[in-house]
C-alpha atoms as a PDB file:
ATOM      1  CA  MET A   1     -11.028   7.438  -9.610  1.00  0.00           C
ATOM      2  CA  ALA A   2     -11.306   9.721 -12.632  1.00  0.00           C
ATOM      3  CA  GLU A   3     -14.365   7.777 -13.865  1.00  0.00           C
ATOM      4  CA  GLU A   4     -16.058   8.179 -10.466  1.00  0.00           C
ATOM      5  CA  GLN A   5     -15.369  11.918 -10.497  1.00  0.00           C
ATOM      6  CA  ASN A   6     -16.802  12.214 -14.035  1.00  0.00           C
ATOM      7  CA  LYS A   7     -19.936  10.333 -12.942  1.00  0.00           C
ATOM      8  CA  ASP A   8     -20.372  12.659  -9.962  1.00  0.00           C
ATOM      9  CA  ILE A   9     -19.994  15.714 -12.212  1.00  0.00           C
ATOM     10  CA  ASP A  10     -22.550  14.312 -14.700  1.00  0.00           C
ATOM     11  CA  MET A  11     -25.025  13.690 -11.869  1.00  0.00           C
ATOM     12  CA  GLU A  12     -24.481  17.213 -10.558  1.00  0.00           C
ATOM     13  CA  ASN A  13     -25.084  18.683 -14.016  1.00  0.00           C
ATOM     14  CA  GLU A  14     -28.318  16.688 -14.391  1.00  0.00           C
ATOM     15  CA  THR A  15     -29.506  17.872 -10.964  1.00  0.00           C
ATOM     16  CA  VAL A  16     -28.757  21.489 -11.842  1.00  0.00           C
ATOM     17  CA  GLU A  17     -30.659  21.166 -15.118  1.00  0.00           C
ATOM     18  CA  GLU A  18     -33.665  19.622 -13.332  1.00  0.00           C
ATOM     19  CA  MET A  19     -33.730  22.423 -10.744  1.00  0.00           C
ATOM     20  CA  GLU A  20     -33.464  25.070 -13.441  1.00  0.00           C
ATOM     21  CA  GLU A  21     -36.360  23.481 -15.369  1.00  0.00           C
ATOM     22  CA  THR A  22     -38.502  23.391 -12.209  1.00  0.00           C
ATOM     23  CA  VAL A  23     -37.829  27.059 -11.452  1.00  0.00           C
ATOM     24  CA  GLU A  24     -38.600  27.977 -15.067  1.00  0.00           C
ATOM     25  CA  GLU A  25     -41.871  26.022 -15.042  1.00  0.00           C
ATOM     26  CA  THR A  26     -42.953  27.660 -11.771  1.00  0.00           C
ATOM     27  CA  SER A  27     -42.113  31.116 -13.140  1.00  0.00           C
ATOM     28  CA  GLU A  28     -44.255  30.378 -16.197  1.00  0.00           C
ATOM     29  CA  GLU A  29     -47.145  29.394 -13.928  1.00  0.00           C
ATOM     30  CA  ILE A  30     -46.813  32.699 -12.071  1.00  0.00           C
ATOM     31  CA  GLU A  31     -46.941  34.601 -15.372  1.00  0.00           C
ATOM     32  CA  GLU A  32     -50.051  32.688 -16.479  1.00  0.00           C
ATOM     33  CA  VAL A  33     -51.864  33.365 -13.196  1.00  0.00           C
ATOM     34  CA  THR A  34     -50.828  37.029 -13.325  1.00  0.00           C
ATOM     35  CA  GLU A  35     -52.198  37.358 -16.868  1.00  0.00           C
ATOM     36  CA  GLU A  36     -55.468  35.762 -15.789  1.00  0.00           C
ATOM     37  CA  THR A  37     -55.708  38.213 -12.892  1.00  0.00           C
ATOM     38  CA  GLU A  38     -55.127  41.187 -15.143  1.00  0.00           C
ATOM     39  CA  ALA A  39     -57.689  39.897 -17.614  1.00  0.00           C
ATOM     40  CA  SER A  40     -60.300  39.415 -14.887  1.00  0.00           C
ATOM     41  CA  GLU A  41     -59.732  42.942 -13.616  1.00  0.00           C
ATOM     42  CA  GLU A  42     -60.494  44.318 -17.092  1.00  0.00           C
ATOM     43  CA  GLU A  43     -63.846  42.501 -17.274  1.00  0.00           C
ATOM     44  CA  THR A  44     -66.928  44.707 -16.572  1.00  0.00           C
ATOM     45  CA  PRO A  45     -69.830  43.081 -14.685  1.00  0.00           C
ATOM     46  CA  GLU A  46     -73.358  43.270 -16.076  1.00  0.00           C
ATOM     47  CA  GLU A  47     -75.477  46.146 -14.772  1.00  0.00           C
ATOM     48  CA  GLY A  48     -78.019  43.913 -13.016  1.00  0.00           C
ATOM     49  CA  ASP A  49     -75.391  41.854 -11.323  1.00  0.00           C
ATOM     50  CA  GLU A  50     -72.921  44.668 -10.628  1.00  0.00           C
ATOM     51  CA  LYS A  51     -72.860  44.128  -6.888  1.00  0.00           C
ATOM     52  CA  LYS A  52     -72.888  40.384  -7.201  1.00  0.00           C
ATOM     53  CA  GLY A  53     -70.228  40.468  -9.923  1.00  0.00           C
ATOM     54  CA  PHE A  54     -68.076  42.771  -7.869  1.00  0.00           C
ATOM     55  CA  PHE A  55     -67.902  40.280  -5.033  1.00  0.00           C
ATOM     56  CA  LYS A  56     -67.287  37.422  -7.449  1.00  0.00           C
ATOM     57  CA  LYS A  57     -64.414  39.282  -9.078  1.00  0.00           C
ATOM     58  CA  LYS A  58     -62.949  40.128  -5.688  1.00  0.00           C
ATOM     59  CA  GLU A  59     -63.207  36.535  -4.543  1.00  0.00           C
ATOM     60  CA  LYS A  60     -61.602  35.269  -7.781  1.00  0.00           C
ATOM     61  CA  LYS A  61     -58.811  37.814  -7.498  1.00  0.00           C
ATOM     62  CA  SER A  62     -58.138  36.748  -3.923  1.00  0.00           C
ATOM     63  CA  LYS A  63     -57.720  33.119  -4.983  1.00  0.00           C
ATOM     64  CA  GLN A  64     -55.431  34.143  -7.819  1.00  0.00           C
ATOM     65  CA  ASP A  65     -53.353  36.263  -5.427  1.00  0.00           C
ATOM     66  CA  GLU A  66     -53.025  33.278  -3.118  1.00  0.00           C
ATOM     67  CA  LYS A  67     -51.921  31.151  -6.070  1.00  0.00           C
ATOM     68  CA  ILE A  68     -49.318  33.752  -7.062  1.00  0.00           C
ATOM     69  CA  GLU A  69     -48.024  33.944  -3.488  1.00  0.00           C
ATOM     70  CA  GLU A  70     -47.833  30.146  -3.338  1.00  0.00           C
ATOM     71  CA  LEU A  71     -45.908  29.931  -6.617  1.00  0.00           C
ATOM     72  CA  THR A  72     -43.638  32.833  -5.653  1.00  0.00           C
ATOM     73  CA  ASP A  73     -42.842  31.141  -2.347  1.00  0.00           C
ATOM     74  CA  ARG A  74     -42.102  27.926  -4.215  1.00  0.00           C
ATOM     75  CA  VAL A  75     -39.689  29.737  -6.534  1.00  0.00           C
ATOM     76  CA  LYS A  76     -37.913  31.354  -3.576  1.00  0.00           C
ATOM     77  CA  ARG A  77     -37.523  27.989  -1.838  1.00  0.00           C
ATOM     78  CA  GLN A  78     -36.288  26.354  -5.034  1.00  0.00           C
ATOM     79  CA  MET A  79     -33.774  29.152  -5.591  1.00  0.00           C
ATOM     80  CA  ALA A  80     -32.545  28.792  -1.992  1.00  0.00           C
ATOM     81  CA  GLU A  81     -32.183  25.032  -2.470  1.00  0.00           C
ATOM     82  CA  PHE A  82     -30.364  25.622  -5.741  1.00  0.00           C
ATOM     83  CA  ASP A  83     -27.954  28.076  -4.067  1.00  0.00           C
ATOM     84  CA  ASN A  84     -27.248  25.610  -1.245  1.00  0.00           C
ATOM     85  CA  PHE A  85     -26.720  22.842  -3.771  1.00  0.00           C
ATOM     86  CA  ARG A  86     -24.315  25.007  -5.770  1.00  0.00           C
ATOM     87  CA  LYS A  87     -22.270  25.880  -2.683  1.00  0.00           C
ATOM     88  CA  ARG A  88     -22.198  22.238  -1.576  1.00  0.00           C
ATOM     89  CA  THR A  89     -21.057  20.960  -4.977  1.00  0.00           C
ATOM     90  CA  GLU A  90     -18.353  23.639  -5.206  1.00  0.00           C
ATOM     91  CA  LYS A  91     -17.037  22.546  -1.806  1.00  0.00           C
ATOM     92  CA  GLU A  92     -17.149  18.868  -2.816  1.00  0.00           C
ATOM     93  CA  LYS A  93     -15.304  19.612  -6.083  1.00  0.00           C
ATOM     94  CA  ALA A  94     -12.613  21.500  -4.163  1.00  0.00           C
ATOM     95  CA  GLN A  95     -12.233  18.544  -1.795  1.00  0.00           C
ATOM     96  CA  MET A  96     -12.007  16.144  -4.750  1.00  0.00           C
ATOM     97  CA  PHE A  97      -9.282  18.313  -6.264  1.00  0.00           C
ATOM     98  CA  GLU A  98      -7.343  18.310  -2.977  1.00  0.00           C
ATOM     99  CA  VAL A  99      -7.565  14.515  -2.730  1.00  0.00           C
ATOM    100  CA  GLY A 100      -6.443  14.115  -6.349  1.00  0.00           C
ATOM    101  CA  ALA A 101      -3.547  16.556  -5.930  1.00  0.00           C
ATOM    102  CA  LYS A 102      -2.377  14.806  -2.764  1.00  0.00           C
ATOM    103  CA  SER A 103      -2.486  11.435  -4.530  1.00  0.00           C
ATOM    104  CA  VAL A 104      -0.317  12.725  -7.404  1.00  0.00           C
ATOM    105  CA  ILE A 105       2.179  14.300  -4.975  1.00  0.00           C
ATOM    106  CA  GLU A 106       2.500  11.010  -3.081  1.00  0.00           C
ATOM    107  CA  LYS A 107       3.507   9.313  -6.353  1.00  0.00           C
ATOM    108  CA  ILE A 108       6.082  12.037  -7.164  1.00  0.00           C
ATOM    109  CA  LEU A 109       7.868  11.974  -3.788  1.00  0.00           C
ATOM    110  CA  PRO A 110       9.670   8.626  -4.408  1.00  0.00           C
ATOM    111  CA  VAL A 111      11.094  10.183  -7.595  1.00  0.00           C
ATOM    112  CA  VAL A 112      12.388  13.100  -5.516  1.00  0.00           C
ATOM    113  CA  ASP A 113      13.911  10.619  -3.043  1.00  0.00           C
ATOM    114  CA  ASN A 114      15.746   8.812  -5.846  1.00  0.00           C
ATOM    115  CA  PHE A 115      17.083  12.081  -7.238  1.00  0.00           C
ATOM    116  CA  GLU A 116      18.437  13.044  -3.816  1.00  0.00           C
ATOM    117  CA  ARG A 117      19.980   9.618  -3.198  1.00  0.00           C
ATOM    118  CA  GLY A 118      21.607   9.610  -6.625  1.00  0.00           C
ATOM    119  CA  LEU A 119      23.006  13.137  -6.336  1.00  0.00           C
ATOM    120  CA  SER A 120      24.302  12.551  -2.805  1.00  0.00           C
ATOM    121  CA  ALA A 121      26.160   9.441  -4.005  1.00  0.00           C
ATOM    122  CA  VAL A 122      28.081  11.316  -6.728  1.00  0.00           C
ATOM    123  CA  PRO A 123      31.827  11.570  -5.853  1.00  0.00           C
ATOM    124  CA  GLU A 124      33.145  15.069  -5.336  1.00  0.00           C
ATOM    125  CA  GLU A 125      35.415  14.881  -8.400  1.00  0.00           C
ATOM    126  CA  GLN A 126      32.445  14.055 -10.685  1.00  0.00           C
ATOM    127  CA  LYS A 127      30.088  16.808  -9.579  1.00  0.00           C
ATOM    128  CA  GLU A 128      31.213  19.073 -12.419  1.00  0.00           C
ATOM    129  CA  ASP A 129      30.376  16.481 -15.083  1.00  0.00           C
ATOM    130  CA  ALA A 130      27.771  17.561 -17.630  1.00  0.00           C
ATOM    131  CA  PHE A 131      25.495  14.607 -16.834  1.00  0.00           C
ATOM    132  CA  VAL A 132      25.524  15.329 -13.101  1.00  0.00           C
ATOM    133  CA  GLN A 133      24.929  19.017 -13.719  1.00  0.00           C
ATOM    134  CA  GLY A 134      21.965  18.126 -15.945  1.00  0.00           C
ATOM    135  CA  MET A 135      20.465  15.884 -13.246  1.00  0.00           C
ATOM    136  CA  GLU A 136      20.849  18.652 -10.674  1.00  0.00           C
ATOM    137  CA  LYS A 137      19.003  21.084 -12.944  1.00  0.00           C
ATOM    138  CA  VAL A 138      16.164  18.605 -13.458  1.00  0.00           C
ATOM    139  CA  TYR A 139      15.985  18.049  -9.692  1.00  0.00           C
ATOM    140  CA  LYS A 140      15.900  21.791  -8.985  1.00  0.00           C
ATOM    141  CA  GLN A 141      13.181  22.296 -11.591  1.00  0.00           C
ATOM    142  CA  LEU A 142      11.134  19.498 -10.032  1.00  0.00           C
ATOM    143  CA  MET A 143      11.470  21.023  -6.567  1.00  0.00           C
ATOM    144  CA  THR A 144      10.556  24.473  -7.903  1.00  0.00           C
ATOM    145  CA  GLU A 145       7.354  23.094  -9.432  1.00  0.00           C
ATOM    146  CA  LEU A 146       6.451  21.317  -6.196  1.00  0.00           C
ATOM    147  CA  GLU A 147       7.042  24.512  -4.264  1.00  0.00           C
ATOM    148  CA  SER A 148       4.742  26.394  -6.641  1.00  0.00           C
ATOM    149  CA  LEU A 149       2.068  23.813  -5.788  1.00  0.00           C
ATOM    150  CA  GLU A 150       2.569  24.641  -2.087  1.00  0.00           C
ATOM    151  CA  VAL A 151       4.444  21.413  -1.379  1.00  0.00           C
ATOM    152  CA  LYS A 152       7.171  21.930   1.192  1.00  0.00           C
ATOM    153  CA  PRO A 153       9.465  19.686   3.276  1.00  0.00           C
ATOM    154  CA  ILE A 154       8.811  19.228   6.974  1.00  0.00           C
ATOM    155  CA  GLU A 155      11.436  20.583   9.352  1.00  0.00           C
ATOM    156  CA  ALA A 156      12.981  17.756  11.313  1.00  0.00           C
ATOM    157  CA  VAL A 157      16.597  17.784  12.532  1.00  0.00           C
ATOM    158  CA  GLY A 158      17.038  20.037  15.553  1.00  0.00           C
ATOM    159  CA  THR A 159      13.305  20.391  16.212  1.00  0.00           C
ATOM    160  CA  GLU A 160      11.228  18.829  18.953  1.00  0.00           C
ATOM    161  CA  PHE A 161       9.629  15.520  18.020  1.00  0.00           C
ATOM    162  CA  ASN A 162       6.019  16.008  16.966  1.00  0.00           C
ATOM    163  CA  PRO A 163       3.934  12.917  16.121  1.00  0.00           C
ATOM    164  CA  GLU A 164       1.761  15.032  13.807  1.00  0.00           C
ATOM    165  CA  PHE A 165       4.754  15.562  11.497  1.00  0.00           C
ATOM    166  CA  HIS A 166       7.379  12.986  12.498  1.00  0.00           C
ATOM    167  CA  ASN A 167       7.506   9.208  12.607  1.00  0.00           C
ATOM    168  CA  ALA A 168      10.147   8.016  15.119  1.00  0.00           C
ATOM    169  CA  VAL A 169      11.755   4.739  14.035  1.00  0.00           C
ATOM    170  CA  MET A 170      14.766   4.704  16.375  1.00  0.00           C
ATOM    171  CA  GLN A 171      16.382   6.427  19.361  1.00  0.00           C
ATOM    172  CA  LEU A 172      19.904   7.832  19.632  1.00  0.00           C
ATOM    173  CA  GLU A 173      22.174   9.304  22.249  1.00  0.00           C
ATOM    174  CA  ASN A 174      23.255  12.831  21.507  1.00  0.00           C
ATOM    175  CA  GLU A 175      25.017  15.116  23.957  1.00  0.00           C
ATOM    176  CA  GLU A 176      24.339  18.226  21.896  1.00  0.00           C
ATOM    177  CA  LEU A 177      20.568  17.820  21.816  1.00  0.00           C
ATOM    178  CA  GLU A 178      18.022  17.445  24.593  1.00  0.00           C
ATOM    179  CA  SER A 179      15.843  14.383  25.051  1.00  0.00           C
ATOM    180  CA  GLY A 180      12.896  14.307  22.665  1.00  0.00           C
ATOM    181  CA  MET A 181      14.659  16.289  19.950  1.00  0.00           C
ATOM    182  CA  VAL A 182      15.061  14.973  16.393  1.00  0.00           C
ATOM    183  CA  ALA A 183      18.711  14.031  15.860  1.00  0.00           C
ATOM    184  CA  GLN A 184      18.574  12.494  12.388  1.00  0.00           C
ATOM    185  CA  GLU A 185      16.238  12.457   9.384  1.00  0.00           C
ATOM    186  CA  LEU A 186      16.077   9.082   7.655  1.00  0.00           C
ATOM    187  CA  GLN A 187      13.425  10.041   5.129  1.00  0.00           C
ATOM    188  CA  LYS A 188      12.214  13.542   4.356  1.00  0.00           C
ATOM    189  CA  GLY A 189       8.586  14.338   5.044  1.00  0.00           C
ATOM    190  CA  TYR A 190       6.412  16.722   3.045  1.00  0.00           C
ATOM    191  CA  MET A 191       3.305  18.818   3.473  1.00  0.00           C
ATOM    192  CA  TYR A 192       0.775  19.913   0.866  1.00  0.00           C
ATOM    193  CA  ARG A 193      -0.626  23.232   2.052  1.00  0.00           C
ATOM    194  CA  ASP A 194      -1.759  22.429   5.610  1.00  0.00           C
ATOM    195  CA  THR A 195      -1.927  18.652   5.156  1.00  0.00           C
ATOM    196  CA  VAL A 196       0.821  16.127   5.813  1.00  0.00           C
ATOM    197  CA  VAL A 197       1.450  14.103   2.663  1.00  0.00           C
ATOM    198  CA  ARG A 198       4.217  12.020   4.202  1.00  0.00           C
ATOM    199  CA  HIS A 199       5.592  12.034   7.743  1.00  0.00           C
ATOM    200  CA  SER A 200       9.316  12.526   8.284  1.00  0.00           C
ATOM    201  CA  MET A 201      11.029   9.279   9.300  1.00  0.00           C
ATOM    202  CA  VAL A 202      13.364  10.320  12.112  1.00  0.00           C
ATOM    203  CA  ALA A 203      15.665   9.218  14.923  1.00  0.00           C
ATOM    204  CA  VAL A 204      14.962  10.865  18.291  1.00  0.00           C
ATOM    205  CA  VAL A 205      17.292  11.609  21.185  1.00  0.00           C
ATOM    206  CA  GLN A 206      16.612   9.359  24.165  1.00  0.00           C
END
């Protein structure tokens, strides 16, 4: 995946360079035509052909003006295309980053699950042990870092079942909760920003 992203970035860089070269070449053409126009305006027609030369100069200037307008229009269109390309590539890069971040988070979540299973299995009398305390600190640090990345757990128990966030794997009877409410969370679900990374695996009241 990283190699594909690098290839895409290289292709984008090459495209940007090509567009910049085209704009630069067109700008140089405009300068050349402008210089020719200025030079032609400085020329003085011969006395016998003053009227004839005047019309020739005017006709030549008109063609040069049309050429300048054509090149200027081309530059404007190329700059607009370049701006659209830049915006599109920035959006694509942001999407690539989101996909990559989500993939990494998905790989970290099983580690979080194992931490929680291990800490929940520690007997009450051993919770003050140095090793257990160290594992709890590592777990808290891991959760703090995930939270800073805008990763948060999905609310489940006591909420209404929502297929967008929950995955119902069984049904239970529960007198305290209404039908369709989540009674038990079998596996914690997580969201990354506004996207579900993993659905909560839950048991729902019949």
